[in-house]
C-alpha atoms as a PDB file:
ATOM      1  CA  MET A   1     -17.452  43.538  10.426  1.00  0.00           C
ATOM      2  CA  GLU A   2     -17.506  46.528  12.350  1.00  0.00           C
ATOM      3  CA  GLU A   3     -19.876  47.959  14.554  1.00  0.00           C
ATOM      4  CA  TYR A   4     -20.773  50.840  12.008  1.00  0.00           C
ATOM      5  CA  GLU A   5     -21.361  48.665   9.421  1.00  0.00           C
ATOM      6  CA  MET A   6     -23.743  45.845  11.398  1.00  0.00           C
ATOM      7  CA  ILE A   7     -25.466  49.430  12.718  1.00  0.00           C
ATOM      8  CA  ILE A   8     -26.005  50.463   8.580  1.00  0.00           C
ATOM      9  CA  PHE A   9     -26.880  47.086   7.926  1.00  0.00           C
ATOM     10  CA  GLU A  10     -29.882  47.263  10.865  1.00  0.00           C
ATOM     11  CA  ILE A  11     -31.164  50.560   8.674  1.00  0.00           C
ATOM     12  CA  ILE A  12     -31.130  48.013   5.540  1.00  0.00           C
ATOM     13  CA  ASN A  13     -32.827  45.174   7.301  1.00  0.00           C
ATOM     14  CA  HIS A  14     -35.461  47.169   8.879  1.00  0.00           C
ATOM     15  CA  GLY A  15     -36.273  49.572   5.694  1.00  0.00           C
ATOM     16  CA  GLY A  16     -36.490  45.754   3.668  1.00  0.00           C
ATOM     17  CA  THR A  17     -39.035  44.300   5.921  1.00  0.00           C
ATOM     18  CA  ALA A  18     -40.942  47.478   5.919  1.00  0.00           C
ATOM     19  CA  LYS A  19     -41.662  47.492   2.245  1.00  0.00           C
ATOM     20  CA  SER A  20     -41.963  43.447   2.354  1.00  0.00           C
ATOM     21  CA  LEU A  21     -44.929  43.896   4.562  1.00  0.00           C
ATOM     22  CA  ALA A  22     -46.520  46.697   2.993  1.00  0.00           C
ATOM     23  CA  TYR A  23     -46.126  44.816  -0.541  1.00  0.00           C
ATOM     24  CA  GLU A  24     -47.465  41.412   1.017  1.00  0.00           C
ATOM     25  CA  ALA A  25     -50.534  44.238   2.314  1.00  0.00           C
ATOM     26  CA  LEU A  26     -51.434  45.248  -0.804  1.00  0.00           C
ATOM     27  CA  GLU A  27     -51.594  41.645  -2.138  1.00  0.00           C
ATOM     28  CA  PHE A  28     -53.911  40.449   0.839  1.00  0.00           C
ATOM     29  CA  VAL A  29     -56.061  43.317   0.053  1.00  0.00           C
ATOM     30  CA  GLU A  30     -56.250  42.233  -3.549  1.00  0.00           C
ATOM     31  CA  ASN A  31     -57.832  38.904  -2.336  1.00  0.00           C
ATOM     32  CA  GLY A  32     -60.020  40.782   0.013  1.00  0.00           C
ATOM     33  CA  ASN A  33     -58.768  40.632   3.293  1.00  0.00           C
ATOM     34  CA  TYR A  34     -58.187  43.719   5.002  1.00  0.00           C
ATOM     35  CA  LYS A  35     -57.886  42.781   8.217  1.00  0.00           C
ATOM     36  CA  GLU A  36     -54.388  41.000   7.447  1.00  0.00           C
ATOM     37  CA  ALA A  37     -53.636  43.862   5.399  1.00  0.00           C
ATOM     38  CA  ASP A  38     -53.888  46.315   8.233  1.00  0.00           C
ATOM     39  CA  ASN A  39     -51.998  43.771  10.646  1.00  0.00           C
ATOM     40  CA  LEU A  40     -48.894  44.262   8.195  1.00  0.00           C
ATOM     41  CA  LEU A  41     -49.807  47.546   7.713  1.00  0.00           C
ATOM     42  CA  LYS A  42     -48.984  47.655  11.964  1.00  0.00           C
ATOM     43  CA  GLU A  43     -46.033  45.773  11.229  1.00  0.00           C
ATOM     44  CA  ALA A  44     -44.235  47.263   8.894  1.00  0.00           C
ATOM     45  CA  ASP A  45     -45.043  50.483  10.892  1.00  0.00           C
ATOM     46  CA  LYS A  46     -42.847  48.666  13.715  1.00  0.00           C
ATOM     47  CA  SER A  47     -39.705  48.035  11.081  1.00  0.00           C
ATOM     48  CA  LEU A  48     -40.009  51.551   9.917  1.00  0.00           C
ATOM     49  CA  LEU A  49     -39.763  53.147  13.727  1.00  0.00           C
ATOM     50  CA  ALA A  50     -36.747  50.638  14.551  1.00  0.00           C
ATOM     51  CA  ALA A  51     -34.922  51.559  11.251  1.00  0.00           C
ATOM     52  CA  HIS A  52     -36.051  55.247  12.062  1.00  0.00           C
ATOM     53  CA  LYS A  53     -34.284  54.771  16.171  1.00  0.00           C
ATOM     54  CA  VAL A  54     -30.752  53.328  14.893  1.00  0.00           C
ATOM     55  CA  GLN A  55     -30.951  56.440  12.236  1.00  0.00           C
ATOM     56  CA  THR A  56     -31.743  59.206  15.003  1.00  0.00           C
ATOM     57  CA  SER A  57     -28.653  57.306  17.365  1.00  0.00           C
ATOM     58  CA  LEU A  58     -26.346  57.885  14.448  1.00  0.00           C
ATOM     59  CA  ILE A  59     -27.565  61.405  13.837  1.00  0.00           C
ATOM     60  CA  GLN A  60     -27.201  61.779  17.651  1.00  0.00           C
ATOM     61  CA  SER A  61     -23.665  60.416  17.721  1.00  0.00           C
ATOM     62  CA  GLU A  62     -22.962  62.701  15.417  1.00  0.00           C
ATOM     63  CA  ALA A  63     -24.465  65.925  16.908  1.00  0.00           C
ATOM     64  CA  ALA A  64     -22.120  65.331  19.866  1.00  0.00           C
ATOM     65  CA  GLY A  65     -19.166  64.862  18.123  1.00  0.00           C
ATOM     66  CA  LYS A  66     -18.632  61.905  16.463  1.00  0.00           C
ATOM     67  CA  HIS A  67     -17.500  61.616  13.092  1.00  0.00           C
ATOM     68  CA  HIS A  68     -19.291  58.829  10.744  1.00  0.00           C
ATOM     69  CA  GLU A  69     -18.344  58.039   7.561  1.00  0.00           C
ATOM     70  CA  VAL A  70     -20.432  58.662   4.595  1.00  0.00           C
ATOM     71  CA  SER A  71     -19.758  55.505   2.549  1.00  0.00           C
ATOM     72  CA  LEU A  72     -21.586  53.748  -0.287  1.00  0.00           C
ATOM     73  CA  LEU A  73     -22.897  51.428   2.572  1.00  0.00           C
ATOM     74  CA  MET A  74     -24.339  54.735   4.261  1.00  0.00           C
ATOM     75  CA  VAL A  75     -25.998  56.144   1.160  1.00  0.00           C
ATOM     76  CA  HIS A  76     -27.898  52.506   0.209  1.00  0.00           C
ATOM     77  CA  ALA A  77     -29.087  52.513   3.605  1.00  0.00           C
ATOM     78  CA  GLN A  78     -30.603  55.853   3.494  1.00  0.00           C
ATOM     79  CA  ASP A  79     -31.849  55.144   0.197  1.00  0.00           C
ATOM     80  CA  HIS A  80     -33.271  51.517   1.084  1.00  0.00           C
ATOM     81  CA  LEU A  81     -35.125  53.474   3.756  1.00  0.00           C
ATOM     82  CA  MET A  82     -36.954  56.760   2.161  1.00  0.00           C
ATOM     83  CA  THR A  83     -37.851  53.937  -0.850  1.00  0.00           C
ATOM     84  CA  ALA A  84     -39.329  51.565   2.082  1.00  0.00           C
ATOM     85  CA  ILE A  85     -41.283  55.254   3.238  1.00  0.00           C
ATOM     86  CA  GLU A  86     -42.313  55.959   0.511  1.00  0.00           C
ATOM     87  CA  ALA A  87     -43.497  52.872  -1.146  1.00  0.00           C
ATOM     88  CA  LYS A  88     -45.761  51.869   2.329  1.00  0.00           C
ATOM     89  CA  SER A  89     -47.304  55.106   1.969  1.00  0.00           C
ATOM     90  CA  LEU A  90     -48.244  54.497  -1.803  1.00  0.00           C
ATOM     91  CA  ILE A  91     -49.196  51.268  -0.647  1.00  0.00           C
ATOM     92  CA  GLU A  92     -51.398  52.812   1.746  1.00  0.00           C
ATOM     93  CA  LYS A  93     -53.311  55.315  -0.516  1.00  0.00           C
ATOM     94  CA  MET A  94     -53.742  52.243  -3.207  1.00  0.00           C
ATOM     95  CA  ILE A  95     -55.670  50.283  -0.292  1.00  0.00           C
ATOM     96  CA  LEU A  96     -57.671  53.583   0.693  1.00  0.00           C
ATOM     97  CA  ILE A  97     -58.615  53.337  -3.119  1.00  0.00           C
ATOM     98  CA  TYR A  98     -59.273  49.638  -3.056  1.00  0.00           C
ATOM     99  CA  LYS A  99     -61.740  49.879  -0.124  1.00  0.00           C
ATOM    100  CA  LYS A 100     -63.326  53.000  -1.827  1.00  0.00           C
ATOM    101  CA  ILE A 101     -64.308  50.697  -5.141  1.00  0.00           C
ATOM    102  CA  ASP A 102     -65.341  47.613  -2.946  1.00  0.00           C
ATOM    103  CA  GLY A 103     -67.523  49.953  -0.788  1.00  0.00           C
ATOM    104  CA  ILE A 104     -65.755  49.965   2.676  1.00  0.00           C
ATOM    105  CA  LYS A 105     -65.845  53.093   5.138  1.00  0.00           C
ATOM    106  CA  GLU A 106     -62.628  54.185   6.861  1.00  0.00           C
ATOM    107  CA  ASN A 107     -63.235  53.895  10.422  1.00  0.00           C
END
């Protein structure tokens, strides 16, 4: 596998990890475990940051003149990352609703 493809798979991996952690956090909230949910969302943030760093390095190298092929795999990676970001954002809002229902004040 080429180096470029490995970089693309890093984006997919980090995005998928973030999305899975966010959904897992929602499951913990459904069972009243807000502390573990918060920990999982922090881990999801770390995964999204890692994906963003990979994405930024690709953008910087392209801005420096190195052209990257826009493959179906790259489109998939970008789609995967965007849906992970959106899922996490929506889940965070859902958790706020759970907290309101349960009478938990935000810090």
